[in-house]
C-alpha cells in the first residue's frame, strides 16, 4: 500500500475554504506565501492526487517535479492507491476527497495560518482518527 499523506493549511479556528477557494488566497503576507512554498517543496518528487478543480489550479511548474493525478468520485481509493504502492501519495482537494481517503491516510501535516476570518468550509477532526493517522502541527 502507498504511504498516504495529507498536507494542508487551516486558519486559527479550522477554516479551510470560502466560496470555493482558500479564505486567505491571494494574500501577500509572508506566512501565506511560505505555506504555498512549503506545500510545493514537500510534495516534490511524490504523487499528488486530487480532484479536477484542484489539478486545474496548479501552476505549470508544479507538473514538472511531481506526479499529479486527477481523481474522480467514481474512482475507488483502493484502486487509485494501488497504482502507487511504492510511492508517497499526497491527497489534495479538500473535504470531499478527504472524506473518502481519510481511512488510508497515515500522516496529516497541518499548518495553522494566522487567519481568523470568514469561512464556509472547516477542517473535520474526524479525518484524523479515520485511519489512525498522526498529526503534525
N, C-alpha and C. Protein backbone atom coordinates (compact mmCIF):
# COMPACT_ATOMS: atom_id res chain seq x y z
N UNK A 1 0.84 -1.18 0.00
CA UNK A 1 0.00 0.00 0.00
C UNK A 1 0.88 1.24 0.00
N UNK A 2 0.44 2.25 -0.68
CA UNK A 2 1.17 3.51 -0.74
C UNK A 2 1.26 4.15 0.64
N UNK A 3 2.26 4.99 0.82
CA UNK A 3 2.41 5.80 2.02
C UNK A 3 1.55 7.04 1.79
N UNK A 4 0.35 7.08 2.36
CA UNK A 4 -0.64 8.11 2.06
C UNK A 4 -0.58 9.22 3.11
N UNK A 5 -0.49 10.46 2.62
CA UNK A 5 -0.36 11.62 3.50
C UNK A 5 -1.23 12.76 3.00
N UNK A 6 -1.45 13.71 3.88
CA UNK A 6 -2.13 14.96 3.51
C UNK A 6 -1.29 16.10 4.05
N UNK A 7 -1.13 17.13 3.24
CA UNK A 7 -0.53 18.38 3.70
C UNK A 7 -1.56 19.46 3.43
N UNK A 8 -1.92 20.20 4.46
CA UNK A 8 -2.94 21.24 4.28
C UNK A 8 -2.71 22.39 5.24
N UNK A 9 -3.38 23.48 4.97
CA UNK A 9 -3.34 24.65 5.83
C UNK A 9 -4.75 24.95 6.31
N UNK A 10 -4.83 25.40 7.56
CA UNK A 10 -6.11 25.80 8.12
C UNK A 10 -5.93 27.14 8.83
N UNK A 11 -7.02 27.84 9.03
CA UNK A 11 -6.98 29.07 9.82
C UNK A 11 -6.96 28.73 11.30
N UNK A 12 -6.86 29.74 12.12
CA UNK A 12 -6.77 29.55 13.57
C UNK A 12 -7.96 28.79 14.17
N UNK A 13 -9.11 28.89 13.52
CA UNK A 13 -10.31 28.20 14.02
C UNK A 13 -10.69 27.01 13.15
N UNK A 14 -9.76 26.53 12.34
CA UNK A 14 -10.02 25.38 11.48
C UNK A 14 -10.59 25.73 10.12
N UNK A 15 -10.56 26.98 9.74
CA UNK A 15 -11.09 27.38 8.44
C UNK A 15 -10.27 26.73 7.32
N UNK A 16 -11.02 26.25 6.31
CA UNK A 16 -10.39 25.65 5.13
C UNK A 16 -10.73 26.40 3.85
N UNK A 17 -11.97 26.79 3.71
CA UNK A 17 -12.38 27.36 2.43
C UNK A 17 -13.42 28.44 2.55
N UNK A 18 -13.52 29.21 1.45
CA UNK A 18 -14.53 30.25 1.34
C UNK A 18 -14.83 30.45 -0.14
N UNK A 19 -16.08 30.25 -0.51
CA UNK A 19 -16.51 30.44 -1.91
C UNK A 19 -15.68 29.64 -2.90
N UNK A 20 -15.32 28.42 -2.54
CA UNK A 20 -14.60 27.54 -3.45
C UNK A 20 -13.10 27.71 -3.47
N UNK A 21 -12.57 28.60 -2.68
CA UNK A 21 -11.12 28.79 -2.60
C UNK A 21 -10.69 28.82 -1.15
N UNK A 22 -9.42 29.09 -0.93
CA UNK A 22 -8.94 29.25 0.43
C UNK A 22 -9.23 30.68 0.87
N UNK A 23 -9.69 30.89 2.09
CA UNK A 23 -10.07 32.23 2.53
C UNK A 23 -8.95 33.25 2.42
N UNK A 24 -7.71 32.82 2.54
CA UNK A 24 -6.55 33.71 2.52
C UNK A 24 -5.90 33.77 1.15
N UNK A 25 -6.52 33.12 0.16
CA UNK A 25 -5.94 33.06 -1.18
C UNK A 25 -5.64 34.46 -1.71
N UNK A 26 -4.44 34.61 -2.25
CA UNK A 26 -4.03 35.89 -2.81
C UNK A 26 -3.34 36.80 -1.80
N UNK A 27 -3.31 36.41 -0.53
CA UNK A 27 -2.65 37.23 0.48
C UNK A 27 -1.15 37.25 0.22
N UNK A 28 -0.58 38.43 0.28
CA UNK A 28 0.86 38.59 0.06
C UNK A 28 1.65 38.53 1.37
N UNK A 29 0.96 38.32 2.49
CA UNK A 29 1.66 38.24 3.77
C UNK A 29 2.58 37.02 3.79
N UNK A 30 3.74 37.17 4.37
CA UNK A 30 4.77 36.14 4.34
C UNK A 30 4.31 34.75 4.82
N UNK A 31 3.53 34.62 5.91
CA UNK A 31 3.13 33.27 6.33
C UNK A 31 2.34 32.51 5.26
N UNK A 32 1.56 33.22 4.48
CA UNK A 32 0.74 32.58 3.45
C UNK A 32 1.61 32.19 2.24
N UNK A 33 2.54 33.03 1.89
CA UNK A 33 3.48 32.72 0.80
C UNK A 33 4.35 31.52 1.19
N UNK A 34 4.84 31.53 2.42
CA UNK A 34 5.68 30.42 2.90
C UNK A 34 4.91 29.11 2.92
N UNK A 35 3.62 29.16 3.22
CA UNK A 35 2.82 27.94 3.23
C UNK A 35 2.74 27.32 1.83
N UNK A 36 2.53 28.16 0.83
CA UNK A 36 2.47 27.66 -0.56
C UNK A 36 3.83 27.10 -0.97
N UNK A 37 4.89 27.81 -0.65
CA UNK A 37 6.24 27.34 -0.97
C UNK A 37 6.51 25.99 -0.31
N UNK A 38 6.12 25.87 0.94
CA UNK A 38 6.32 24.64 1.70
C UNK A 38 5.54 23.48 1.07
N UNK A 39 4.31 23.73 0.67
CA UNK A 39 3.50 22.70 0.01
C UNK A 39 4.22 22.15 -1.21
N UNK A 40 4.71 23.05 -2.08
CA UNK A 40 5.37 22.58 -3.29
C UNK A 40 6.72 21.92 -3.01
N UNK A 41 7.40 22.35 -1.96
CA UNK A 41 8.67 21.71 -1.59
C UNK A 41 8.43 20.29 -1.05
N UNK A 42 7.48 20.14 -0.16
CA UNK A 42 7.22 18.84 0.46
C UNK A 42 6.67 17.82 -0.54
N UNK A 43 5.84 18.25 -1.47
CA UNK A 43 5.25 17.30 -2.42
C UNK A 43 6.17 17.00 -3.61
N UNK A 44 7.28 17.71 -3.73
CA UNK A 44 8.21 17.49 -4.85
C UNK A 44 8.69 16.05 -4.86
N UNK A 45 8.61 15.44 -6.04
CA UNK A 45 9.09 14.07 -6.22
C UNK A 45 8.07 13.01 -5.85
N UNK A 46 6.92 13.43 -5.37
CA UNK A 46 5.90 12.47 -4.92
C UNK A 46 4.67 12.52 -5.82
N UNK A 47 3.70 11.70 -5.48
CA UNK A 47 2.43 11.66 -6.20
C UNK A 47 1.45 12.58 -5.46
N UNK A 48 0.70 13.34 -6.22
CA UNK A 48 -0.32 14.22 -5.66
C UNK A 48 -1.62 13.88 -6.36
N UNK A 49 -2.60 13.34 -5.61
CA UNK A 49 -3.90 13.00 -6.19
C UNK A 49 -4.93 14.02 -5.70
N UNK A 50 -5.75 14.49 -6.60
CA UNK A 50 -6.79 15.47 -6.24
C UNK A 50 -7.81 15.56 -7.35
N UNK A 51 -8.91 16.22 -7.04
CA UNK A 51 -9.98 16.39 -7.99
C UNK A 51 -9.61 17.35 -9.11
N UNK A 52 -10.45 17.39 -10.16
CA UNK A 52 -10.14 18.20 -11.34
C UNK A 52 -9.97 19.70 -11.06
N UNK A 53 -10.77 20.26 -10.16
CA UNK A 53 -10.64 21.70 -9.86
C UNK A 53 -9.29 22.02 -9.22
N UNK A 54 -8.86 21.15 -8.32
CA UNK A 54 -7.57 21.37 -7.67
C UNK A 54 -6.44 21.20 -8.67
N UNK A 55 -6.51 20.18 -9.50
CA UNK A 55 -5.47 19.97 -10.51
C UNK A 55 -5.38 21.20 -11.42
N UNK A 56 -6.52 21.74 -11.82
CA UNK A 56 -6.54 22.91 -12.71
C UNK A 56 -5.94 24.14 -12.04
N UNK A 57 -5.93 24.19 -10.72
CA UNK A 57 -5.42 25.36 -10.01
C UNK A 57 -3.89 25.37 -9.88
N UNK A 58 -3.23 24.26 -10.17
CA UNK A 58 -1.77 24.20 -10.01
C UNK A 58 -1.07 24.95 -11.13
N UNK A 59 -0.01 25.69 -10.78
CA UNK A 59 0.77 26.36 -11.82
C UNK A 59 1.50 25.33 -12.67
N UNK A 60 1.87 25.72 -13.87
CA UNK A 60 2.53 24.79 -14.80
C UNK A 60 3.76 24.12 -14.19
N UNK A 61 4.58 24.89 -13.45
CA UNK A 61 5.82 24.30 -12.91
C UNK A 61 5.55 23.11 -12.00
N UNK A 62 4.39 23.08 -11.36
CA UNK A 62 4.08 22.00 -10.41
C UNK A 62 4.05 20.64 -11.09
N UNK A 63 3.74 20.61 -12.36
CA UNK A 63 3.64 19.34 -13.09
C UNK A 63 5.01 18.78 -13.45
N UNK A 64 6.06 19.60 -13.34
CA UNK A 64 7.40 19.18 -13.75
C UNK A 64 8.09 18.27 -12.75
N UNK A 65 7.80 18.42 -11.46
CA UNK A 65 8.58 17.68 -10.47
C UNK A 65 7.74 16.91 -9.45
N UNK A 66 6.55 16.55 -9.85
CA UNK A 66 5.69 15.67 -9.05
C UNK A 66 4.72 15.00 -10.02
N UNK A 67 4.20 13.85 -9.65
CA UNK A 67 3.19 13.16 -10.45
C UNK A 67 1.83 13.62 -9.97
N UNK A 68 1.11 14.36 -10.81
CA UNK A 68 -0.21 14.86 -10.44
C UNK A 68 -1.26 14.02 -11.15
N UNK A 69 -2.17 13.47 -10.35
CA UNK A 69 -3.18 12.55 -10.87
C UNK A 69 -4.57 13.10 -10.52
N UNK A 70 -5.40 13.22 -11.54
CA UNK A 70 -6.78 13.65 -11.34
C UNK A 70 -7.61 12.45 -10.92
N UNK A 71 -8.31 12.59 -9.80
CA UNK A 71 -9.20 11.53 -9.34
C UNK A 71 -10.64 12.01 -9.45
N UNK A 72 -11.54 11.05 -9.54
CA UNK A 72 -12.97 11.35 -9.66
C UNK A 72 -13.72 10.60 -8.56
N UNK A 73 -14.93 11.03 -8.29
CA UNK A 73 -15.72 10.40 -7.23
C UNK A 73 -16.03 8.94 -7.54
N UNK A 74 -15.99 8.57 -8.82
CA UNK A 74 -16.26 7.17 -9.18
C UNK A 74 -15.05 6.27 -8.98
N UNK A 75 -13.87 6.84 -8.72
CA UNK A 75 -12.65 6.05 -8.50
C UNK A 75 -12.67 5.44 -7.11
N UNK A 76 -12.34 4.17 -7.02
CA UNK A 76 -12.20 3.52 -5.72
C UNK A 76 -10.83 3.88 -5.16
N UNK A 77 -10.78 4.39 -3.92
CA UNK A 77 -9.48 4.75 -3.34
C UNK A 77 -8.46 3.61 -3.37
N UNK A 78 -8.92 2.40 -3.09
CA UNK A 78 -8.00 1.26 -3.09
C UNK A 78 -7.34 1.08 -4.45
N UNK A 79 -8.12 1.27 -5.53
CA UNK A 79 -7.57 1.12 -6.88
C UNK A 79 -6.59 2.23 -7.22
N UNK A 80 -6.94 3.46 -6.83
CA UNK A 80 -6.05 4.59 -7.10
C UNK A 80 -4.73 4.40 -6.36
N UNK A 81 -4.81 4.09 -5.08
CA UNK A 81 -3.61 3.96 -4.27
C UNK A 81 -2.77 2.75 -4.67
N UNK A 82 -3.39 1.70 -5.15
CA UNK A 82 -2.67 0.50 -5.58
C UNK A 82 -1.74 0.81 -6.77
N UNK A 83 -2.08 1.81 -7.54
CA UNK A 83 -1.23 2.21 -8.69
C UNK A 83 0.10 2.79 -8.24
N UNK A 84 0.17 3.20 -6.96
CA UNK A 84 1.36 3.87 -6.46
C UNK A 84 1.86 3.22 -5.18
N UNK A 85 1.85 1.89 -5.15
CA UNK A 85 2.14 1.15 -3.92
C UNK A 85 3.53 1.41 -3.37
N UNK A 86 4.47 1.82 -4.20
CA UNK A 86 5.84 2.05 -3.73
C UNK A 86 6.18 3.54 -3.62
N UNK A 87 5.17 4.40 -3.59
CA UNK A 87 5.40 5.85 -3.59
C UNK A 87 4.72 6.51 -2.40
N UNK A 88 5.16 7.73 -2.11
CA UNK A 88 4.46 8.60 -1.17
C UNK A 88 3.37 9.30 -1.98
N UNK A 89 2.14 9.22 -1.48
CA UNK A 89 1.00 9.82 -2.16
C UNK A 89 0.38 10.88 -1.25
N UNK A 90 0.31 12.11 -1.75
CA UNK A 90 -0.36 13.19 -1.03
C UNK A 90 -1.76 13.32 -1.59
N UNK A 91 -2.74 13.42 -0.70
CA UNK A 91 -4.13 13.56 -1.10
C UNK A 91 -4.51 15.02 -0.95
N UNK A 92 -4.83 15.66 -2.06
CA UNK A 92 -5.23 17.06 -2.05
C UNK A 92 -6.69 17.19 -2.44
N UNK A 93 -7.19 18.39 -2.32
CA UNK A 93 -8.52 18.63 -2.84
C UNK A 93 -9.59 18.96 -1.84
N UNK A 94 -9.32 18.84 -0.55
CA UNK A 94 -10.27 19.29 0.44
C UNK A 94 -11.26 18.24 0.91
N UNK A 95 -12.33 18.72 1.59
CA UNK A 95 -13.26 17.84 2.31
C UNK A 95 -13.87 16.69 1.51
N UNK A 96 -14.32 16.92 0.31
CA UNK A 96 -14.96 15.84 -0.45
C UNK A 96 -13.98 14.69 -0.68
N UNK A 97 -12.74 15.01 -0.93
CA UNK A 97 -11.72 13.98 -1.17
C UNK A 97 -11.28 13.36 0.16
N UNK A 98 -11.06 14.19 1.17
CA UNK A 98 -10.61 13.67 2.45
C UNK A 98 -11.66 12.80 3.13
N UNK A 99 -12.93 13.07 2.90
CA UNK A 99 -13.98 12.20 3.44
C UNK A 99 -13.78 10.76 2.97
N UNK A 100 -13.34 10.59 1.73
CA UNK A 100 -13.18 9.27 1.13
C UNK A 100 -11.82 8.66 1.45
N UNK A 101 -10.77 9.47 1.43
CA UNK A 101 -9.41 8.95 1.57
C UNK A 101 -8.88 8.94 3.01
N UNK A 102 -9.55 9.60 3.94
CA UNK A 102 -9.06 9.67 5.33
C UNK A 102 -8.71 8.31 5.95
N UNK A 103 -9.49 7.25 5.70
CA UNK A 103 -9.13 5.96 6.31
C UNK A 103 -7.78 5.41 5.85
N UNK A 104 -7.25 5.95 4.75
CA UNK A 104 -5.98 5.46 4.21
C UNK A 104 -4.80 6.34 4.58
N UNK A 105 -5.08 7.52 5.14
CA UNK A 105 -4.03 8.49 5.43
C UNK A 105 -3.25 8.08 6.67
N UNK A 106 -1.94 8.03 6.51
CA UNK A 106 -1.03 7.67 7.60
C UNK A 106 -0.56 8.90 8.35
N UNK A 107 -0.45 10.04 7.66
CA UNK A 107 0.12 11.23 8.27
C UNK A 107 -0.58 12.49 7.76
N UNK A 108 -1.01 13.34 8.69
CA UNK A 108 -1.60 14.65 8.37
C UNK A 108 -0.59 15.72 8.74
N UNK A 109 -0.17 16.51 7.79
CA UNK A 109 0.74 17.64 8.02
C UNK A 109 -0.14 18.89 7.92
N UNK A 110 -0.49 19.46 9.07
CA UNK A 110 -1.45 20.58 9.12
C UNK A 110 -0.72 21.83 9.57
N UNK A 111 -0.75 22.84 8.73
CA UNK A 111 -0.12 24.12 9.05
C UNK A 111 -1.22 25.11 9.44
N UNK A 112 -1.17 25.62 10.67
CA UNK A 112 -2.14 26.60 11.12
C UNK A 112 -1.64 27.99 10.76
N UNK A 113 -2.41 28.67 9.92
CA UNK A 113 -2.04 30.00 9.46
C UNK A 113 -2.67 31.09 10.33
N UNK A 114 -2.11 32.30 10.31
CA UNK A 114 -2.63 33.40 11.11
C UNK A 114 -3.87 34.04 10.45
N UNK A 115 -4.87 33.23 10.22
CA UNK A 115 -6.13 33.70 9.62
C UNK A 115 -7.24 33.40 10.61
N UNK A 116 -8.05 34.39 10.90
CA UNK A 116 -9.16 34.16 11.82
C UNK A 116 -10.43 34.82 11.30
N UNK A 117 -10.60 34.76 9.99
CA UNK A 117 -11.75 35.41 9.37
C UNK A 117 -12.82 34.45 8.91
N UNK A 118 -13.58 34.91 7.97
CA UNK A 118 -14.75 34.21 7.44
C UNK A 118 -14.36 32.92 6.72
N UNK A 119 -15.26 31.95 6.75
CA UNK A 119 -15.09 30.69 6.03
C UNK A 119 -16.44 30.02 5.86
N UNK A 120 -16.52 29.13 4.88
CA UNK A 120 -17.73 28.33 4.73
C UNK A 120 -17.40 26.83 4.72
N UNK A 121 -16.12 26.52 4.86
CA UNK A 121 -15.66 25.14 4.90
C UNK A 121 -14.64 25.03 6.04
N UNK A 122 -14.77 23.95 6.82
CA UNK A 122 -13.95 23.79 8.02
C UNK A 122 -13.26 22.43 8.03
N UNK A 123 -12.13 22.36 8.71
CA UNK A 123 -11.42 21.10 8.90
C UNK A 123 -12.24 20.21 9.82
N UNK A 124 -12.35 18.94 9.46
CA UNK A 124 -13.11 17.98 10.26
C UNK A 124 -12.13 17.11 11.05
N UNK A 125 -12.06 17.27 12.37
CA UNK A 125 -11.13 16.47 13.17
C UNK A 125 -11.34 14.96 13.05
N UNK A 126 -12.51 14.53 12.64
CA UNK A 126 -12.77 13.09 12.47
C UNK A 126 -11.85 12.48 11.41
N UNK A 127 -11.38 13.29 10.47
CA UNK A 127 -10.46 12.76 9.46
C UNK A 127 -9.19 12.23 10.11
N UNK A 128 -8.77 12.86 11.20
CA UNK A 128 -7.52 12.47 11.85
C UNK A 128 -7.58 11.08 12.46
N UNK A 129 -8.74 10.67 12.89
CA UNK A 129 -8.84 9.35 13.53
C UNK A 129 -9.40 8.28 12.61
N UNK A 130 -9.81 8.67 11.41
CA UNK A 130 -10.40 7.70 10.48
C UNK A 130 -9.43 6.58 10.14
N UNK A 131 -8.16 6.91 10.04
CA UNK A 131 -7.17 5.89 9.71
C UNK A 131 -6.11 5.73 10.77
N UNK A 132 -6.31 6.33 11.92
CA UNK A 132 -5.32 6.25 12.98
C UNK A 132 -4.06 7.02 12.68
N UNK A 133 -4.19 8.10 11.90
CA UNK A 133 -3.04 8.88 11.45
C UNK A 133 -2.44 9.70 12.58
N UNK A 134 -1.21 10.15 12.33
CA UNK A 134 -0.53 11.05 13.25
C UNK A 134 -0.66 12.46 12.70
N UNK A 135 -0.81 13.43 13.60
CA UNK A 135 -0.95 14.82 13.20
C UNK A 135 0.31 15.59 13.52
N UNK A 136 0.72 16.48 12.65
CA UNK A 136 1.85 17.37 12.89
C UNK A 136 1.34 18.79 12.85
N UNK A 137 1.59 19.52 13.90
CA UNK A 137 1.18 20.94 13.96
C UNK A 137 2.38 21.83 14.00
